[in-house]
Amino acid sequence: MAKWDVSRFLNTVSYFGAIPVFSDIQRWLTGVSEDRSTTDGGRTLEIILVFGSMGEIGALVVQQLLKSGYRVRAAVSDLSLTPFSVPANVEYVQRSLENCDESHTERVMEGVRSMIVCPDPQSSLSAAALANLITAASTYLHTTTKLQLFDFARPDVNLQATWGAVDDVVMGGVSESAIRLGTGYAVFSGNVSIDNSGGFASVRTRNFDPSLNLSNYRGIELRVKGDGQRYKFFIRTEARWDGVGYAYSFDTNAGEWMTISIPFGDLVPIFRAKTVSDAAPIDLTQICSFQLMLSKFEYDQALNPRFSPGLFSLQIESISADGGQITPQLVIIDSISLPADLVAKLQTANLAYSIVRAENLDPQMAAMIAVKSIAQPETVGQILGH
């Protein structure tokens, strides 16, 4: 019988906050409840392009977008004027409405779902600028989206702060795994042992806080290169450590990059390797964590037909939400009312839009209305805040 490593067990449950005493202390110190569910669902992580972010209302719009879980790409005319300290999920790019070549526009608009324009409160939006804006929005805003959740090709991915190993050491086993960054990918690898009635290794994210809202998407897409074994991908919608996970098994071809499509409708509710026949449908508005696993078992004591104990390796290039059908939108916060001819131009542009009249609104309220409008299709074509 192999020797169980109690220190690895303690490190695992401590990393994920699974020790009740540690978890209670952490919640007491931070004021964060273990139940992270919210009535509005989780964050979306979609990219919103903001013009005029350096102004008062623009800065409030950026803050509100981040609070609502969006990623922000802030377009400024001069990058030297950007803040010294840039918040996470904010990217500054150099781009003006009045003067920008098409190739630059395409790069700036890559992956953008919607745009919010906050013009200078001392001046109105020019006809030329609005024409450029309408052209860019009509051409490049994405109606069908692939939301990249983890891009392991980027060197700034902080694996240690997000992903941790959950191996069979939590039940007395001796399997051992880890995840690390390679060149253009992450590597989930280790050694799976069936000693001590064990036989699984996995890596799991800490709970997303706030949770993710993927209700506008059809499934998950993995870009992986494996070793010929069958792996599992789990989604959890509860913040608790040991709850139901929604699982999908996928086979790999040794040494071959593969795109694995996981429809949400094909996920199987699992609790400790057993299917849960009466489990509720997966709540895509409250996704708390992801997990990748190699196990000797499939479900309900059936064996994994492609499992082999010993060393294993799975390279992961990206994890994305796929198949989104989201109405993109152009939102203009108008401090000085747009002329009627420019509004008419918007109305005939075959473009989803909203105009927020800000002259009679508190700046914070104008920012909140603008951000809320991009999540509410019923506001398309409306003039708000007047």
Protein backbone atom coordinates (compact mmCIF):
# COMPACT_ATOMS: atom_id res chain seq x y z
CA MET A 1 0.00 0.00 0.00
CA ALA A 2 1.46 3.37 -1.05
CA LYS A 3 2.00 6.06 1.57
CA TRP A 4 -0.63 8.82 1.64
CA ASP A 5 0.77 12.37 1.67
CA VAL A 6 -1.21 14.35 4.24
CA SER A 7 0.64 17.58 3.41
CA ARG A 8 -0.58 17.43 -0.22
CA PHE A 9 -4.11 16.85 1.02
CA LEU A 10 -3.92 19.90 3.28
CA ASN A 11 -2.41 22.03 0.52
CA THR A 12 -5.25 21.08 -1.84
CA VAL A 13 -8.14 21.79 0.48
CA SER A 14 -6.46 24.96 1.73
CA TYR A 15 -5.94 26.29 -1.84
CA PHE A 16 -9.62 25.81 -2.65
CA GLY A 17 -10.90 26.97 0.76
CA ALA A 18 -12.41 23.55 1.44
CA ILE A 19 -11.40 23.32 5.11
CA PRO A 20 -14.46 24.61 7.00
CA VAL A 21 -12.49 26.49 9.66
CA PHE A 22 -10.23 28.18 7.09
CA SER A 23 -13.22 29.00 4.89
CA ASP A 24 -15.19 30.48 7.78
CA ILE A 25 -12.23 32.68 8.78
CA GLN A 26 -11.73 33.81 5.17
CA ARG A 27 -15.42 34.72 4.78
CA TRP A 28 -15.39 36.53 8.13
CA LEU A 29 -12.36 38.61 7.14
CA THR A 30 -13.54 39.44 3.62
CA GLY A 31 -17.28 39.62 4.21
CA VAL A 32 -17.84 37.32 1.19
CA SER A 33 -20.50 34.65 1.49
CA GLU A 34 -19.80 31.13 0.24
CA ASP A 35 -22.93 31.36 -1.91
CA ARG A 36 -21.84 33.65 -4.72
CA SER A 37 -25.06 33.47 -6.68
CA THR A 38 -26.72 36.76 -7.65
CA THR A 39 -30.16 37.54 -8.96
CA ASP A 40 -28.72 39.00 -12.16
CA GLY A 41 -26.41 36.08 -12.89
CA GLY A 42 -22.68 36.22 -13.32
CA ARG A 43 -20.28 38.28 -15.38
CA THR A 44 -20.05 37.86 -19.15
CA LEU A 45 -16.39 38.70 -19.88
CA GLU A 46 -17.40 40.10 -23.26
CA ILE A 47 -15.34 42.96 -24.73
CA ILE A 48 -16.91 46.42 -24.87
CA LEU A 49 -15.11 49.16 -26.81
CA VAL A 50 -15.34 52.57 -25.11
CA PHE A 51 -14.60 55.92 -26.74
CA GLY A 52 -14.11 58.94 -24.46
CA SER A 53 -13.02 56.93 -21.42
CA MET A 54 -10.80 59.78 -20.18
CA GLY A 55 -13.78 62.06 -19.49
CA GLU A 56 -15.91 62.06 -16.34
CA ILE A 57 -18.77 60.00 -17.73
CA GLY A 58 -16.40 57.77 -19.73
CA ALA A 59 -14.42 56.89 -16.61
CA LEU A 60 -17.64 56.02 -14.81
CA VAL A 61 -18.73 53.87 -17.76
CA VAL A 62 -15.47 51.90 -17.55
CA GLN A 63 -15.96 51.38 -13.81
CA GLN A 64 -19.54 50.23 -14.33
CA LEU A 65 -18.55 47.83 -17.12
CA LEU A 66 -15.87 46.23 -14.94
CA LYS A 67 -18.32 45.95 -12.05
CA SER A 68 -20.78 44.21 -14.40
CA GLY A 69 -18.12 41.70 -15.46
CA TYR A 70 -17.22 43.00 -18.93
CA ARG A 71 -13.77 43.39 -20.39
CA VAL A 72 -13.05 46.91 -21.61
CA ARG A 73 -11.05 48.11 -24.59
CA ALA A 74 -10.66 51.86 -24.20
CA ALA A 75 -9.88 53.83 -27.38
CA VAL A 76 -7.89 57.02 -26.80
CA SER A 77 -6.29 59.45 -29.23
CA ASP A 78 -3.02 59.60 -27.27
CA LEU A 79 -1.73 56.60 -25.30
CA SER A 80 0.61 58.85 -23.30
CA LEU A 81 -2.45 60.21 -21.48
CA THR A 82 -3.63 56.84 -20.17
CA PRO A 83 -3.52 56.13 -16.42
CA PHE A 84 -0.24 54.89 -14.98
CA SER A 85 -2.02 52.02 -13.22
CA VAL A 86 -4.34 50.09 -15.54
CA PRO A 87 -7.04 47.90 -13.90
CA ALA A 88 -7.29 44.24 -14.80
CA ASN A 89 -9.59 43.58 -17.79
CA VAL A 90 -8.91 47.04 -19.26
CA GLU A 91 -6.85 47.49 -22.43
CA TYR A 92 -6.01 50.90 -23.88
CA VAL A 93 -5.65 51.26 -27.67
CA GLN A 94 -4.86 54.30 -29.81
CA ARG A 95 -7.78 55.08 -32.07
CA SER A 96 -9.74 58.24 -32.91
CA LEU A 97 -13.16 58.40 -34.52
CA GLU A 98 -12.13 61.08 -36.98
CA ASN A 99 -8.96 59.57 -38.44
CA CYS A 100 -8.27 55.86 -38.60
CA ASP A 101 -7.37 53.52 -41.44
CA GLU A 102 -9.43 50.40 -42.06
CA SER A 103 -6.79 47.85 -41.02
CA HIS A 104 -6.30 49.64 -37.71
CA THR A 105 -10.05 49.69 -37.17
CA GLU A 106 -10.25 45.94 -37.71
CA ARG A 107 -7.56 45.27 -35.11
CA VAL A 108 -9.19 47.55 -32.57
CA MET A 109 -12.60 45.94 -33.14
CA GLU A 110 -11.37 42.33 -32.88
CA GLY A 111 -13.65 40.40 -30.51
CA VAL A 112 -15.73 43.47 -29.60
CA ARG A 113 -19.40 42.85 -28.85
CA SER A 114 -20.66 46.43 -28.37
CA MET A 115 -19.43 50.03 -28.36
CA ILE A 116 -20.17 52.89 -25.97
CA VAL A 117 -19.29 56.41 -27.05
CA CYS A 118 -18.84 59.14 -24.47
CA PRO A 119 -18.12 62.36 -26.41
CA ASP A 120 -16.47 65.40 -24.93
CA PRO A 121 -19.15 67.15 -22.84
CA GLN A 122 -18.10 70.48 -24.35
CA SER A 123 -18.64 69.42 -27.96
CA SER A 124 -21.08 67.45 -30.05
CA LEU A 125 -20.32 64.37 -32.12
CA SER A 126 -19.46 65.48 -35.65
CA ALA A 127 -21.20 64.08 -38.71
CA ALA A 128 -17.88 62.72 -40.01
CA ALA A 129 -17.09 61.01 -36.71
CA LEU A 130 -20.56 59.49 -36.53
CA ALA A 131 -20.25 58.21 -40.10
CA ASN A 132 -16.97 56.49 -39.20
CA LEU A 133 -18.57 55.10 -36.07
CA ILE A 134 -21.56 53.65 -37.91
CA THR A 135 -19.32 52.08 -40.56
CA ALA A 136 -17.06 50.48 -37.98
CA ALA A 137 -19.98 49.21 -35.88
CA SER A 138 -21.87 47.82 -38.88
CA THR A 139 -18.78 46.08 -40.25
CA TYR A 140 -17.02 44.70 -37.23
CA LEU A 141 -19.37 44.17 -34.30
CA HIS A 142 -19.83 40.45 -33.76
CA THR A 143 -23.29 38.92 -33.95
CA THR A 144 -22.06 35.36 -33.47
CA THR A 145 -19.37 35.26 -30.85
CA LYS A 146 -16.75 32.95 -29.48
CA LEU A 147 -15.87 34.19 -26.02
CA GLN A 148 -12.32 33.22 -25.07
CA LEU A 149 -12.29 32.37 -21.38
CA PHE A 150 -8.71 31.13 -21.07
CA ASP A 151 -6.11 31.91 -23.72
CA PHE A 152 -3.04 29.96 -22.64
CA ALA A 153 -1.07 31.23 -25.62
CA ARG A 154 -0.77 34.56 -23.82
CA PRO A 155 2.13 34.77 -21.36
CA ASP A 156 0.16 36.85 -18.83
CA VAL A 157 -2.12 33.99 -17.76
CA ASN A 158 -1.66 33.57 -13.99
CA LEU A 159 -2.20 29.85 -13.55
CA GLN A 160 -1.07 29.76 -9.94
CA ALA A 161 -3.79 32.19 -8.89
CA THR A 162 -6.58 30.43 -10.79
CA TRP A 163 -5.93 26.71 -11.34
CA GLY A 164 -4.94 24.08 -8.79
CA ALA A 165 -4.62 20.30 -8.63
CA VAL A 166 -7.42 18.14 -7.19
CA ASP A 167 -6.05 14.59 -7.24
CA ASP A 168 -7.17 11.39 -5.55
CA VAL A 169 -5.08 12.43 -2.55
CA VAL A 170 -8.36 13.96 -1.30
CA MET A 171 -9.65 10.39 -0.82
CA GLY A 172 -6.45 8.65 0.20
CA GLY A 173 -4.84 8.08 -3.20
CA VAL A 174 -1.32 8.92 -4.37
CA SER A 175 -1.84 10.27 -7.91
CA GLU A 176 -0.17 13.60 -8.55
CA SER A 177 -0.67 16.29 -11.19
CA ALA A 178 -0.10 19.96 -11.92
CA ILE A 179 -0.72 22.58 -14.59
CA ARG A 180 2.02 24.82 -15.96
CA LEU A 181 2.55 27.17 -18.88
CA GLY A 182 4.38 25.90 -21.96
CA THR A 183 5.18 27.80 -25.15
CA GLY A 184 1.77 28.85 -26.44
CA TYR A 185 -0.23 26.46 -24.27
CA ALA A 186 -0.76 25.13 -20.77
CA VAL A 187 0.17 21.56 -19.83
CA PHE A 188 -1.94 19.43 -17.49
CA SER A 189 0.34 16.50 -16.66
CA GLY A 190 1.34 14.12 -13.92
CA ASN A 191 1.28 10.50 -12.80
CA VAL A 192 -1.97 8.61 -12.16
CA SER A 193 -1.78 5.67 -9.78
CA ILE A 194 -4.46 3.15 -8.89
CA ASP A 195 -2.82 2.44 -5.52
CA ASN A 196 -4.94 2.94 -2.38
CA SER A 197 -8.11 2.52 -4.50
CA GLY A 198 -7.31 5.76 -6.28
CA GLY A 199 -7.08 6.48 -9.97
CA PHE A 200 -7.75 10.09 -10.92
CA ALA A 201 -5.90 13.36 -11.35
CA SER A 202 -7.42 16.73 -12.15
CA VAL A 203 -6.93 20.47 -12.21
CA ARG A 204 -9.72 22.84 -11.26
CA THR A 205 -10.24 26.59 -11.14
CA ARG A 206 -10.92 28.40 -7.96
CA ASN A 207 -14.50 29.66 -7.86
CA PHE A 208 -15.08 32.53 -10.26
CA ASP A 209 -16.08 35.58 -8.28
CA PRO A 210 -18.43 36.79 -9.57
CA SER A 211 -19.66 33.69 -11.37
CA LEU A 212 -19.77 33.50 -15.17
CA ASN A 213 -22.93 33.98 -17.21
CA LEU A 214 -22.73 31.91 -20.40
CA SER A 215 -26.47 31.71 -21.06
CA ASN A 216 -26.03 33.34 -24.48
CA TYR A 217 -23.77 30.52 -25.69
CA ARG A 218 -24.34 26.97 -26.88
CA GLY A 219 -21.32 25.24 -25.40
CA ILE A 220 -17.63 25.11 -24.56
CA GLU A 221 -14.80 24.69 -27.05
CA LEU A 222 -11.44 23.23 -26.02
CA ARG A 223 -8.32 23.37 -28.15
CA VAL A 224 -6.12 20.50 -26.90
CA LYS A 225 -3.37 18.05 -27.78
CA GLY A 226 -3.46 14.86 -25.76
CA ASP A 227 -1.78 11.49 -25.40
CA GLY A 228 -4.55 9.23 -26.70
CA GLN A 229 -6.44 8.91 -23.41
CA ARG A 230 -10.00 9.91 -22.55
CA TYR A 231 -10.38 12.99 -20.37
CA LYS A 232 -13.31 14.77 -18.74
CA PHE A 233 -14.32 18.41 -18.59
CA PHE A 234 -16.52 19.58 -15.69
CA ILE A 235 -18.58 22.70 -15.12
CA ARG A 236 -19.78 23.48 -11.61
CA THR A 237 -22.60 25.88 -10.82
CA GLU A 238 -22.27 25.76 -7.03
CA ALA A 239 -19.58 27.45 -4.98
CA ARG A 240 -19.41 24.50 -2.60
CA TRP A 241 -16.33 22.25 -2.70
CA ASP A 242 -18.08 18.89 -3.09
CA GLY A 243 -21.22 19.33 -5.15
CA VAL A 244 -22.70 18.24 -8.45
CA GLY A 245 -20.51 18.74 -11.51
CA TYR A 246 -21.74 18.68 -15.10
CA ALA A 247 -19.32 16.47 -17.05
CA TYR A 248 -18.37 15.66 -20.63
CA SER A 249 -15.90 12.93 -21.67
CA PHE A 250 -13.68 13.40 -24.72
CA ASP A 251 -11.08 11.26 -26.46
CA THR A 252 -7.73 12.53 -27.67
CA ASN A 253 -5.47 11.40 -30.48
CA ALA A 254 -1.87 11.13 -29.34
CA GLY A 255 0.23 14.09 -30.47
CA GLU A 256 -2.58 15.72 -32.49
CA TRP A 257 -4.14 19.15 -31.89
CA MET A 258 -7.92 18.79 -31.69
CA THR A 259 -10.90 21.09 -31.28
CA ILE A 260 -13.34 19.58 -28.77
CA SER A 261 -16.89 20.96 -28.94
CA ILE A 262 -18.94 20.45 -25.77
CA PRO A 263 -22.63 21.36 -26.17
CA PHE A 264 -24.13 22.40 -22.86
CA GLY A 265 -27.02 20.04 -23.57
CA ASP A 266 -24.63 17.03 -23.59
CA LEU A 267 -23.25 17.63 -20.11
CA VAL A 268 -24.03 14.87 -17.58
CA PRO A 269 -24.73 15.76 -13.91
CA ILE A 270 -22.25 13.83 -11.76
CA PHE A 271 -21.61 13.51 -8.03
CA ARG A 272 -18.54 11.50 -7.02
CA ALA A 273 -18.48 9.61 -10.35
CA LYS A 274 -22.18 8.74 -10.17
CA THR A 275 -24.87 10.23 -12.39
CA VAL A 276 -27.54 12.28 -10.62
CA SER A 277 -30.79 11.47 -12.38
CA ASP A 278 -32.85 14.10 -10.57
CA ALA A 279 -30.33 16.94 -10.86
CA ALA A 280 -31.60 20.32 -12.01
CA PRO A 281 -30.66 21.46 -15.52
CA ILE A 282 -27.36 23.30 -15.57
CA ASP A 283 -27.74 26.98 -14.65
CA LEU A 284 -25.63 28.74 -17.28
CA THR A 285 -26.02 32.09 -15.54
CA GLN A 286 -24.12 30.89 -12.45
CA ILE A 287 -20.98 29.05 -13.59
CA CYS A 288 -18.60 28.83 -10.65
CA SER A 289 -15.67 26.70 -11.84
CA PHE A 290 -14.13 24.48 -14.53
CA GLN A 291 -12.23 21.22 -14.09
CA LEU A 292 -10.18 18.89 -16.32
CA MET A 293 -9.74 15.28 -15.21
CA LEU A 294 -8.13 11.97 -16.14
CA SER A 295 -9.84 9.08 -14.34
CA LYS A 296 -9.91 5.30 -14.51
CA PHE A 297 -13.70 5.51 -14.19
CA GLU A 298 -16.31 6.85 -16.56
CA TYR A 299 -19.60 7.08 -14.64
CA ASP A 300 -21.48 4.69 -12.32
CA GLN A 301 -18.45 2.39 -11.85
CA ALA A 302 -17.96 1.87 -15.60
CA LEU A 303 -14.26 1.88 -16.53
CA ASN A 304 -12.65 4.42 -18.82
CA PRO A 305 -11.81 2.28 -21.90
CA ARG A 306 -8.84 4.46 -22.84
CA PHE A 307 -7.32 4.88 -19.40
CA SER A 308 -3.73 3.88 -18.72
CA PRO A 309 -2.11 4.43 -15.31
CA GLY A 310 1.21 6.20 -15.19
CA LEU A 311 2.45 9.36 -16.82
CA PHE A 312 0.03 11.49 -18.83
CA SER A 313 0.00 14.87 -20.57
CA LEU A 314 -2.72 17.10 -22.01
CA GLN A 315 -1.78 20.39 -23.66
CA ILE A 316 -4.47 23.11 -23.65
CA GLU A 317 -4.29 26.08 -25.97
CA SER A 318 -7.62 27.68 -25.10
CA ILE A 319 -11.00 27.30 -23.43
CA SER A 320 -13.82 29.27 -25.05
CA ALA A 321 -17.58 29.66 -24.91
CA ASP A 322 -18.91 29.05 -28.42
CA GLY A 323 -21.95 29.77 -30.53
CA GLY A 324 -23.15 32.95 -28.91
CA GLN A 325 -26.06 34.77 -30.53
CA ILE A 326 -25.85 38.23 -29.00
CA THR A 327 -27.28 41.45 -30.36
CA PRO A 328 -24.33 43.84 -30.67
CA GLN A 329 -25.10 47.43 -29.91
CA LEU A 330 -23.81 50.95 -30.39
CA VAL A 331 -24.56 53.17 -27.39
CA ILE A 332 -24.00 56.93 -27.60
CA ILE A 333 -24.03 59.01 -24.44
CA ASP A 334 -25.06 62.39 -25.78
CA SER A 335 -24.21 65.39 -23.63
CA ILE A 336 -25.38 67.85 -26.29
CA SER A 337 -28.40 66.52 -28.20
CA LEU A 338 -27.59 64.93 -31.53
CA PRO A 339 -28.99 66.81 -34.52
CA ALA A 340 -32.06 65.20 -36.07
CA ASP A 341 -30.23 64.37 -39.32
CA LEU A 342 -27.59 62.38 -37.41
CA VAL A 343 -30.27 60.47 -35.50
CA ALA A 344 -31.95 59.73 -38.83
CA LYS A 345 -28.62 58.42 -40.14
CA LEU A 346 -28.46 56.02 -37.21
CA GLN A 347 -32.03 54.88 -37.79
CA THR A 348 -31.34 53.98 -41.43
CA ALA A 349 -28.00 52.28 -40.78
CA ASN A 350 -29.45 48.82 -40.02
CA LEU A 351 -27.60 48.94 -36.73
CA ALA A 352 -28.74 48.21 -33.19
CA TYR A 353 -28.25 51.38 -31.16
CA SER A 354 -29.31 53.34 -28.10
CA ILE A 355 -28.86 57.03 -27.32
CA VAL A 356 -28.53 58.13 -23.70
CA ARG A 357 -29.49 61.77 -23.17
CA ALA A 358 -27.09 62.82 -20.44
CA GLU A 359 -27.70 66.57 -20.17
CA ASN A 360 -30.29 66.13 -17.41
CA LEU A 361 -28.73 63.10 -15.73
CA ASP A 362 -26.23 62.65 -12.94
CA PRO A 363 -22.98 61.33 -14.58
CA GLN A 364 -23.15 58.11 -12.54
CA MET A 365 -26.75 57.53 -13.63
CA ALA A 366 -25.87 58.16 -17.29
CA ALA A 367 -23.08 55.58 -17.05
CA MET A 368 -25.36 53.01 -15.40
CA ILE A 369 -28.07 53.47 -18.04
CA ALA A 370 -25.55 53.09 -20.87
CA VAL A 371 -24.06 49.88 -19.48
CA LYS A 372 -27.46 48.41 -18.66
CA SER A 373 -28.73 49.11 -22.17
CA ILE A 374 -26.16 46.81 -23.83
CA ALA A 375 -27.59 43.88 -21.89
CA GLN A 376 -31.22 44.63 -22.69
CA PRO A 377 -32.33 44.06 -26.31
CA GLU A 378 -35.58 45.93 -25.65
CA THR A 379 -33.60 49.19 -25.49
CA VAL A 380 -32.39 48.87 -29.10
CA GLY A 381 -33.36 51.95 -31.10
CA GLN A 382 -34.45 53.83 -27.98
CA ILE A 383 -33.55 57.27 -26.70
CA LEU A 384 -32.96 56.82 -22.97
CA GLY A 385 -32.70 59.15 -20.01
CA HIS A 386 -34.87 62.00 -21.27
